Amino acid sequence: MLDTVAAVYEVLKRYISTTDMRDAAEDVLNVLIDHDVHPDEVRETFAGEKEMVTALKAYQDDEADYDDDEDFAEDEDDWYDNE
């Protein structure tokens, strides 16, 4: 399935303006993630696609920030429980 998505993306990207290319890559990535495609699979399949690699890095950075926020919230909950 992922190879088909990559082939379609390759064809469609020539019709996407360069200013919209980053948004398009993020949209494709979000659909893949929503359909349980692992980020490592995306990285492997789209390794030569600069915009997809950039979108994947941003996604993983956001995930790391989200995990940090969850850890902070858990620590905050522990503090309240100790009172």
C-alpha atoms as a PDB file:
ATOM      1  CA  MET A   1       0.000   0.000   0.000  1.00  0.00           C
ATOM      2  CA  LEU A   2       2.715   2.462   0.954  1.00  0.00           C
ATOM      3  CA  ASP A   3       4.484   2.032  -2.388  1.00  0.00           C
ATOM      4  CA  THR A   4       1.238   2.933  -4.152  1.00  0.00           C
ATOM      5  CA  VAL A   5       0.847   6.058  -2.023  1.00  0.00           C
ATOM      6  CA  ALA A   6       4.442   7.031  -2.822  1.00  0.00           C
ATOM      7  CA  ALA A   7       3.831   6.545  -6.557  1.00  0.00           C
ATOM      8  CA  VAL A   8       0.655   8.647  -6.457  1.00  0.00           C
ATOM      9  CA  TYR A   9       2.435  11.337  -4.422  1.00  0.00           C
ATOM     10  CA  GLU A  10       5.263  11.387  -6.970  1.00  0.00           C
ATOM     11  CA  VAL A  11       2.808  11.986  -9.823  1.00  0.00           C
ATOM     12  CA  LEU A  12       0.667  14.536  -7.999  1.00  0.00           C
ATOM     13  CA  LYS A  13       3.468  16.668  -6.621  1.00  0.00           C
ATOM     14  CA  ARG A  14       4.243  18.096 -10.041  1.00  0.00           C
ATOM     15  CA  TYR A  15       0.791  19.713  -9.918  1.00  0.00           C
ATOM     16  CA  ILE A  16       1.365  21.245  -6.483  1.00  0.00           C
ATOM     17  CA  SER A  17       2.949  24.671  -6.286  1.00  0.00           C
ATOM     18  CA  THR A  18       6.284  24.822  -4.510  1.00  0.00           C
ATOM     19  CA  THR A  19       4.784  27.067  -1.850  1.00  0.00           C
ATOM     20  CA  ASP A  20       2.158  24.418  -1.042  1.00  0.00           C
ATOM     21  CA  MET A  21       4.473  21.427  -1.204  1.00  0.00           C
ATOM     22  CA  ARG A  22       5.240  21.359   2.525  1.00  0.00           C
ATOM     23  CA  ASP A  23       1.537  21.440   3.432  1.00  0.00           C
ATOM     24  CA  ALA A  24       0.833  18.676   0.929  1.00  0.00           C
ATOM     25  CA  ALA A  25       3.576  16.495   2.425  1.00  0.00           C
ATOM     26  CA  GLU A  26       2.208  17.097   5.918  1.00  0.00           C
ATOM     27  CA  ASP A  27      -1.288  16.167   4.743  1.00  0.00           C
ATOM     28  CA  VAL A  28      -0.075  12.921   3.159  1.00  0.00           C
ATOM     29  CA  LEU A  29       1.902  12.096   6.293  1.00  0.00           C
ATOM     30  CA  ASN A  30      -1.107  12.759   8.533  1.00  0.00           C
ATOM     31  CA  VAL A  31      -3.297  10.450   6.455  1.00  0.00           C
ATOM     32  CA  LEU A  32      -0.659   7.720   6.640  1.00  0.00           C
ATOM     33  CA  ILE A  33      -0.265   8.112  10.402  1.00  0.00           C
ATOM     34  CA  ASP A  34      -4.060   8.095  10.803  1.00  0.00           C
ATOM     35  CA  HIS A  35      -4.071   4.749   8.967  1.00  0.00           C
ATOM     36  CA  ASP A  36      -1.497   3.271  11.354  1.00  0.00           C
ATOM     37  CA  VAL A  37       1.533   3.489   9.094  1.00  0.00           C
ATOM     38  CA  HIS A  38       4.597   3.616  11.318  1.00  0.00           C
ATOM     39  CA  PRO A  39       6.857   6.672  10.885  1.00  0.00           C
ATOM     40  CA  ASP A  40       9.839   4.398  10.181  1.00  0.00           C
ATOM     41  CA  GLU A  41       7.987   2.923   7.205  1.00  0.00           C
ATOM     42  CA  VAL A  42       7.258   6.421   5.935  1.00  0.00           C
ATOM     43  CA  ARG A  43      10.900   7.410   6.356  1.00  0.00           C
ATOM     44  CA  GLU A  44      12.067   4.356   4.437  1.00  0.00           C
ATOM     45  CA  THR A  45       9.571   4.733   1.597  1.00  0.00           C
ATOM     46  CA  PHE A  46       9.908   8.508   1.162  1.00  0.00           C
ATOM     47  CA  ALA A  47      13.649   8.789   1.926  1.00  0.00           C
ATOM     48  CA  GLY A  48      14.341  10.808  -1.218  1.00  0.00           C
ATOM     49  CA  GLU A  49      11.438  13.224  -0.760  1.00  0.00           C
ATOM     50  CA  LYS A  50      12.752  16.336   0.993  1.00  0.00           C
ATOM     51  CA  GLU A  51       9.299  17.634   1.920  1.00  0.00           C
ATOM     52  CA  MET A  52       8.192  14.287   3.371  1.00  0.00           C
ATOM     53  CA  VAL A  53      11.382  13.976   5.423  1.00  0.00           C
ATOM     54  CA  THR A  54      10.835  17.509   6.739  1.00  0.00           C
ATOM     55  CA  ALA A  55       7.181  16.768   7.545  1.00  0.00           C
ATOM     56  CA  LEU A  56       8.184  13.556   9.309  1.00  0.00           C
ATOM     57  CA  LYS A  57      10.781  15.354  11.415  1.00  0.00           C
ATOM     58  CA  ALA A  58       8.209  17.993  12.407  1.00  0.00           C
ATOM     59  CA  TYR A  59       5.719  15.246  13.277  1.00  0.00           C
ATOM     60  CA  GLN A  60       8.246  13.433  15.450  1.00  0.00           C
ATOM     61  CA  ASP A  61       9.262  16.684  17.160  1.00  0.00           C
ATOM     62  CA  ASP A  62       5.598  17.388  17.907  1.00  0.00           C
ATOM     63  CA  GLU A  63       5.168  13.867  19.281  1.00  0.00           C
ATOM     64  CA  ALA A  64       8.201  14.335  21.529  1.00  0.00           C
ATOM     65  CA  ASP A  65       6.793  17.643  22.799  1.00  0.00           C
ATOM     66  CA  TYR A  66       3.427  15.983  23.409  1.00  0.00           C
ATOM     67  CA  ASP A  67       5.120  13.182  25.382  1.00  0.00           C
ATOM     68  CA  ASP A  68       6.983  15.783  27.462  1.00  0.00           C
ATOM     69  CA  ASP A  69       3.692  17.570  28.185  1.00  0.00           C
ATOM     70  CA  GLU A  70       2.133  14.288  29.330  1.00  0.00           C
ATOM     71  CA  ASP A  71       5.111  13.604  31.619  1.00  0.00           C
ATOM     72  CA  PHE A  72       4.756  17.092  33.089  1.00  0.00           C
ATOM     73  CA  ALA A  73       1.033  16.582  33.666  1.00  0.00           C
ATOM     74  CA  GLU A  74       1.713  13.264  35.418  1.00  0.00           C
ATOM     75  CA  ASP A  75       4.336  14.911  37.641  1.00  0.00           C
ATOM     76  CA  GLU A  76       1.873  17.692  38.427  1.00  0.00           C
ATOM     77  CA  ASP A  77      -0.792  15.113  39.329  1.00  0.00           C
ATOM     78  CA  ASP A  78       1.673  13.374  41.659  1.00  0.00           C
ATOM     79  CA  TRP A  79       2.385  16.687  43.380  1.00  0.00           C
ATOM     80  CA  TYR A  80      -1.322  17.249  44.010  1.00  0.00           C
ATOM     81  CA  ASP A  81      -1.709  13.687  45.318  1.00  0.00           C
ATOM     82  CA  ASN A  82       1.061  14.239  47.868  1.00  0.00           C
ATOM     83  CA  GLU A  83      -0.648  17.157  49.536  1.00  0.00           C
END
